[in-house]
Amino acid sequence: MKRYLCILLCLLLAGCASNPRLQEVRALADDAPKLAGFNDLSQRFRDTYQRQQPYLGTAAAQREEAIDRKRRDAYPDFIALHSAATTYLRALGALAGGATFNYGEQVKQMSASIKAWPDTGLSDRHVNAYAGLVRLLLRAATAREQDQAVQAMLRDGYQPLQGTLDAMATLLRYFNKNHDNEQRIVLGMLEVEIPYADAPRDRLLAALARAHQQEKLREYRLLGLRHTLAAQQLDAIRERHAALYRGLDPLPAPEAADAAAPAFPSAIAQGVQP
């Protein structure tokens, strides 16, 4: 009897391992670390004023200092988006692997809601998507049959994750514009000022300034590539998640009607309920 039970268990495990959908879900979850570029670029965006300050005149410095405060206020919300997206992907991957991912403590640390930041393109729709994703993580059931549980999490998480990833993509575009503006300010100042340091008595200063100018050119060129790579990796994850969603088994008629209801409420002020 024990022998038959062992054989049955091995067959069940082999079936889980060979399920193509579960393999694709695990592969998607394994790519979650590729979203880390968003965090790095968020931090660089937050610290814009520190880098710009030496190149700004008095009036421009005062103006940028006020913007700096807004950037720092918004930064925790940017990181919250990344945390919600990666936690969902890790939970989904663990579920597809037959494991229980203990993400309760991590979710508890997430903000119940974030704010819209219209200047950056972070809108009410993105705020609602984030709230919906956190709610899903709080109530996600992991005790059901594996493939059905994965499908349920994919179905319930589709709109919230897509909205959260769209928020991150929107912010990446804004970070890139901010990067271009910083580049114009810094390199523009160097281009204007370096010729004035070209007198014989300022040869060392001019040489150092030109070396600094070349260093900044390389820095901005590499940062431009990092923005492009981060956007491409995010888009790839978003498309693979959408492809998994499109491949879900159709719901029975009553469940399909329920699924047609909005995945999350439109009121921004509504808190997250487990």
Protein backbone atom coordinates (compact mmCIF):
# COMPACT_ATOMS: atom_id res chain seq x y z
CA MET A 1 0.00 0.00 0.00
CA LYS A 2 2.80 2.38 0.90
CA ARG A 3 4.44 1.55 -2.41
CA TYR A 4 1.30 2.53 -4.34
CA LEU A 5 0.96 5.73 -2.36
CA CYS A 6 4.56 6.65 -3.16
CA ILE A 7 4.00 5.94 -6.85
CA LEU A 8 0.83 8.07 -6.82
CA LEU A 9 2.64 10.93 -5.08
CA CYS A 10 5.47 10.79 -7.62
CA LEU A 11 2.96 10.86 -10.47
CA LEU A 12 1.21 13.89 -8.96
CA LEU A 13 4.48 15.73 -8.50
CA ALA A 14 5.56 14.86 -12.01
CA GLY A 15 2.26 16.15 -13.33
CA CYS A 16 2.77 19.48 -11.54
CA ALA A 17 6.31 19.74 -12.82
CA SER A 18 5.32 18.97 -16.41
CA ASN A 19 2.34 21.36 -16.57
CA PRO A 20 3.42 23.89 -19.24
CA ARG A 21 1.32 26.69 -17.74
CA LEU A 22 2.91 26.26 -14.31
CA GLN A 23 6.36 26.21 -15.90
CA GLU A 24 5.62 29.46 -17.73
CA VAL A 25 4.33 31.07 -14.54
CA ARG A 26 7.48 30.06 -12.65
CA ALA A 27 9.63 31.43 -15.48
CA LEU A 28 7.75 34.73 -15.29
CA ALA A 29 8.26 34.88 -11.53
CA ASP A 30 11.97 34.18 -11.96
CA ASP A 31 12.22 37.40 -14.01
CA ALA A 32 10.83 39.58 -11.21
CA PRO A 33 14.36 40.76 -10.22
CA LYS A 34 14.61 42.43 -13.63
CA LEU A 35 12.26 45.10 -12.31
CA ALA A 36 15.01 46.24 -9.93
CA GLY A 37 16.14 48.79 -12.50
CA PHE A 38 12.98 50.74 -11.73
CA ASN A 39 14.08 51.12 -8.09
CA ASP A 40 17.55 52.31 -9.09
CA LEU A 41 16.17 54.90 -11.50
CA SER A 42 13.58 56.03 -8.93
CA GLN A 43 16.39 56.72 -6.49
CA ARG A 44 18.36 58.61 -9.12
CA PHE A 45 15.26 60.68 -9.89
CA ARG A 46 14.85 61.45 -6.18
CA ASP A 47 18.47 62.70 -5.96
CA THR A 48 18.31 64.94 -9.06
CA TYR A 49 18.76 68.19 -7.15
CA GLN A 50 21.91 67.01 -5.39
CA ARG A 51 23.58 66.40 -8.75
CA GLN A 52 22.25 69.56 -10.43
CA GLN A 53 22.95 72.03 -7.63
CA PRO A 54 26.62 72.83 -8.50
CA TYR A 55 25.56 73.72 -12.06
CA LEU A 56 22.58 75.97 -11.20
CA GLY A 57 22.34 79.72 -10.80
CA THR A 58 20.69 81.20 -7.71
CA ALA A 59 17.19 81.56 -9.15
CA ALA A 60 17.27 78.11 -10.78
CA ALA A 61 18.55 76.56 -7.54
CA GLN A 62 15.63 77.99 -5.57
CA ARG A 63 13.16 76.70 -8.14
CA GLU A 64 14.73 73.23 -8.23
CA GLU A 65 14.87 73.05 -4.43
CA ALA A 66 11.08 73.31 -4.29
CA ILE A 67 10.76 70.55 -6.90
CA ASP A 68 13.24 68.46 -4.91
CA ARG A 69 10.87 68.35 -1.95
CA LYS A 70 8.09 67.01 -4.18
CA ARG A 71 10.39 64.33 -5.58
CA ARG A 72 11.33 63.14 -2.10
CA ASP A 73 7.69 63.09 -0.99
CA ALA A 74 6.73 60.98 -4.02
CA TYR A 75 9.64 58.53 -3.81
CA PRO A 76 8.09 56.11 -1.23
CA ASP A 77 5.05 55.70 -3.48
CA PHE A 78 7.28 54.81 -6.43
CA ILE A 79 9.02 52.12 -4.37
CA ALA A 80 5.65 50.82 -3.13
CA LEU A 81 4.60 50.13 -6.74
CA HIS A 82 7.73 48.05 -7.32
CA SER A 83 7.27 46.16 -4.06
CA ALA A 84 3.65 45.24 -4.85
CA ALA A 85 4.49 44.04 -8.38
CA THR A 86 7.45 41.90 -7.35
CA THR A 87 5.63 40.44 -4.33
CA TYR A 88 2.74 39.38 -6.57
CA LEU A 89 5.12 37.73 -9.06
CA ARG A 90 7.02 35.91 -6.30
CA ALA A 91 3.78 34.69 -4.70
CA LEU A 92 2.49 33.52 -8.08
CA GLY A 93 5.75 31.69 -8.78
CA ALA A 94 5.76 30.00 -5.39
CA LEU A 95 2.17 28.89 -5.89
CA ALA A 96 3.01 27.48 -9.33
CA GLY A 97 5.92 25.61 -7.76
CA GLY A 98 3.68 23.96 -5.20
CA ALA A 99 5.08 26.01 -2.33
CA THR A 100 3.48 28.49 0.01
CA PHE A 101 5.20 31.86 -0.18
CA ASN A 102 4.91 33.57 3.20
CA TYR A 103 4.45 37.12 2.03
CA GLY A 104 2.08 38.22 4.78
CA GLU A 105 4.62 40.30 6.68
CA GLN A 106 5.86 41.98 3.51
CA VAL A 107 2.32 42.91 2.48
CA LYS A 108 1.56 44.27 5.96
CA GLN A 109 4.47 46.68 5.51
CA MET A 110 3.02 48.01 2.25
CA SER A 111 1.08 51.22 2.32
CA ALA A 112 -2.68 50.74 2.10
CA SER A 113 -2.75 53.38 -0.59
CA ILE A 114 -0.46 55.67 -2.52
CA LYS A 115 -1.15 59.11 -3.95
CA ALA A 116 -1.51 60.31 -7.51
CA TRP A 117 1.36 62.53 -8.72
CA PRO A 118 -0.08 64.19 -11.85
CA ASP A 119 3.18 65.91 -12.79
CA THR A 120 4.82 62.51 -13.28
CA GLY A 121 1.88 60.85 -15.04
CA LEU A 122 1.02 58.74 -11.98
CA SER A 123 -2.77 58.93 -12.13
CA ASP A 124 -5.82 57.84 -10.12
CA ARG A 125 -6.06 54.73 -12.32
CA HIS A 126 -2.57 53.67 -11.25
CA VAL A 127 -3.40 54.34 -7.59
CA ASN A 128 -6.43 52.08 -7.84
CA ALA A 129 -4.42 49.34 -9.56
CA TYR A 130 -1.87 49.37 -6.74
CA ALA A 131 -4.60 49.17 -4.09
CA GLY A 132 -6.24 46.28 -5.93
CA LEU A 133 -2.97 44.37 -6.13
CA VAL A 134 -2.29 44.76 -2.40
CA ARG A 135 -5.85 43.62 -1.60
CA LEU A 136 -5.36 40.54 -3.77
CA LEU A 137 -2.13 39.66 -1.97
CA LEU A 138 -3.85 40.00 1.39
CA ARG A 139 -6.70 37.64 0.51
CA ALA A 140 -4.95 35.24 -1.89
CA ALA A 141 -5.75 31.63 -1.01
CA THR A 142 -2.95 29.07 -1.33
CA ALA A 143 -4.75 25.99 -0.03
CA ARG A 144 -6.68 25.17 -3.21
CA GLU A 145 -5.67 22.74 -5.95
CA GLN A 146 -2.48 24.08 -7.49
CA ASP A 147 -3.40 24.76 -11.12
CA GLN A 148 -6.79 26.22 -10.18
CA ALA A 149 -5.17 28.42 -7.53
CA VAL A 150 -2.62 29.72 -10.05
CA GLN A 151 -5.37 30.43 -12.58
CA ALA A 152 -7.45 32.24 -9.95
CA MET A 153 -4.49 34.40 -8.96
CA LEU A 154 -3.67 35.17 -12.60
CA ARG A 155 -7.29 36.06 -13.30
CA ASP A 156 -7.79 38.21 -10.19
CA GLY A 157 -4.39 39.83 -10.50
CA TYR A 158 -4.47 40.64 -14.19
CA GLN A 159 -5.91 44.15 -14.08
CA PRO A 160 -4.19 45.22 -10.84
CA LEU A 161 -0.75 44.02 -11.97
CA GLN A 162 -1.13 45.43 -15.48
CA GLY A 163 -2.16 48.77 -13.99
CA THR A 164 0.74 48.72 -11.55
CA LEU A 165 3.24 47.89 -14.31
CA ASP A 166 1.70 50.64 -16.45
CA ALA A 167 2.29 53.07 -13.58
CA MET A 168 5.93 51.99 -13.43
CA ALA A 169 6.30 52.35 -17.22
CA THR A 170 4.73 55.82 -17.06
CA LEU A 171 7.16 56.84 -14.33
CA LEU A 172 10.13 55.45 -16.25
CA ARG A 173 9.20 57.71 -19.18
CA TYR A 174 9.03 60.66 -16.80
CA PHE A 175 12.36 59.74 -15.21
CA ASN A 176 13.87 59.65 -18.71
CA LYS A 177 12.56 63.13 -19.49
CA ASN A 178 13.97 64.35 -16.19
CA HIS A 179 17.30 62.73 -17.12
CA ASP A 180 17.31 64.56 -20.47
CA ASN A 181 16.56 67.86 -18.73
CA GLU A 182 19.36 67.32 -16.22
CA GLN A 183 21.74 66.51 -19.06
CA ARG A 184 20.85 69.76 -20.84
CA ILE A 185 21.40 71.79 -17.66
CA VAL A 186 24.75 70.25 -16.72
CA LEU A 187 26.32 69.94 -20.15
CA GLY A 188 24.91 73.32 -21.20
CA MET A 189 26.56 75.02 -18.23
CA LEU A 190 29.90 73.32 -18.97
CA GLU A 191 29.76 74.28 -22.64
CA VAL A 192 29.17 77.93 -21.73
CA GLU A 193 31.71 78.19 -18.92
CA ILE A 194 34.66 76.15 -20.19
CA PRO A 195 35.71 78.69 -22.87
CA TYR A 196 36.10 81.33 -20.14
CA ALA A 197 38.63 79.10 -18.39
CA ASP A 198 40.82 78.82 -21.48
CA ALA A 199 43.24 81.62 -20.59
CA PRO A 200 46.91 80.53 -20.13
CA ARG A 201 46.78 81.04 -16.37
CA ASP A 202 43.70 78.77 -16.17
CA ARG A 203 45.05 75.89 -18.27
CA LEU A 204 44.81 73.37 -15.43
CA LEU A 205 41.26 74.44 -14.61
CA ALA A 206 40.27 74.18 -18.28
CA ALA A 207 41.83 70.70 -18.58
CA LEU A 208 40.00 69.49 -15.48
CA ALA A 209 36.74 70.98 -16.73
CA ARG A 210 37.05 69.24 -20.10
CA ALA A 211 37.82 65.92 -18.41
CA HIS A 212 34.77 66.42 -16.20
CA GLN A 213 32.68 67.23 -19.27
CA GLN A 214 33.71 63.95 -20.94
CA GLU A 215 32.96 62.04 -17.76
CA LYS A 216 29.46 63.52 -17.60
CA LEU A 217 28.87 62.71 -21.27
CA ARG A 218 29.70 59.06 -20.61
CA GLU A 219 27.53 59.04 -17.48
CA TYR A 220 24.48 60.38 -19.29
CA ARG A 221 24.97 58.06 -22.24
CA LEU A 222 25.07 55.02 -19.93
CA LEU A 223 22.06 56.29 -17.98
CA GLY A 224 20.13 56.63 -21.22
CA LEU A 225 20.85 52.96 -21.96
CA ARG A 226 19.76 51.97 -18.45
CA HIS A 227 16.43 53.75 -18.94
CA THR A 228 15.91 51.94 -22.24
CA LEU A 229 16.78 48.53 -20.75
CA ALA A 230 14.53 49.03 -17.70
CA ALA A 231 11.60 49.96 -19.94
CA GLN A 232 12.19 46.95 -22.22
CA GLN A 233 12.38 44.51 -19.30
CA LEU A 234 9.21 45.91 -17.76
CA ASP A 235 7.35 45.70 -21.08
CA ALA A 236 8.50 42.09 -21.54
CA ILE A 237 7.15 41.07 -18.13
CA ARG A 238 3.89 42.91 -18.80
CA GLU A 239 3.41 41.12 -22.14
CA ARG A 240 4.28 37.68 -20.75
CA HIS A 241 1.81 38.18 -17.90
CA ALA A 242 -0.86 39.23 -20.41
CA ALA A 243 -0.11 36.15 -22.55
CA LEU A 244 -0.60 33.87 -19.53
CA TYR A 245 -3.88 35.61 -18.78
CA ARG A 246 -5.08 35.15 -22.37
CA GLY A 247 -4.30 31.44 -22.09
CA LEU A 248 -6.45 30.84 -19.00
CA ASP A 249 -9.17 28.23 -19.12
CA PRO A 250 -12.61 29.80 -19.74
CA LEU A 251 -14.75 30.30 -16.66
CA PRO A 252 -18.12 28.54 -16.29
CA ALA A 253 -21.01 30.85 -17.15
CA PRO A 254 -21.91 32.04 -13.59
CA GLU A 255 -18.26 32.71 -12.71
CA ALA A 256 -17.70 34.53 -15.99
CA ALA A 257 -20.49 36.94 -15.10
CA ASP A 258 -18.89 37.60 -11.72
CA ALA A 259 -15.49 38.12 -13.33
CA ALA A 260 -16.95 40.84 -15.55
CA ALA A 261 -17.29 43.05 -12.46
CA PRO A 262 -14.47 45.59 -11.85
CA ALA A 263 -11.39 44.02 -10.25
CA PHE A 264 -10.96 46.96 -7.90
CA PRO A 265 -13.03 50.02 -6.87
CA SER A 266 -12.53 53.40 -8.44
CA ALA A 267 -12.47 55.38 -5.20
CA ILE A 268 -8.89 56.33 -4.41
CA ALA A 269 -9.60 56.96 -0.77
CA GLN A 270 -10.83 53.42 -0.11
CA GLY A 271 -8.34 51.58 2.11
CA VAL A 272 -7.05 48.06 1.60
CA GLN A 273 -9.26 45.41 3.20
CA PRO A 274 -7.93 41.91 3.77
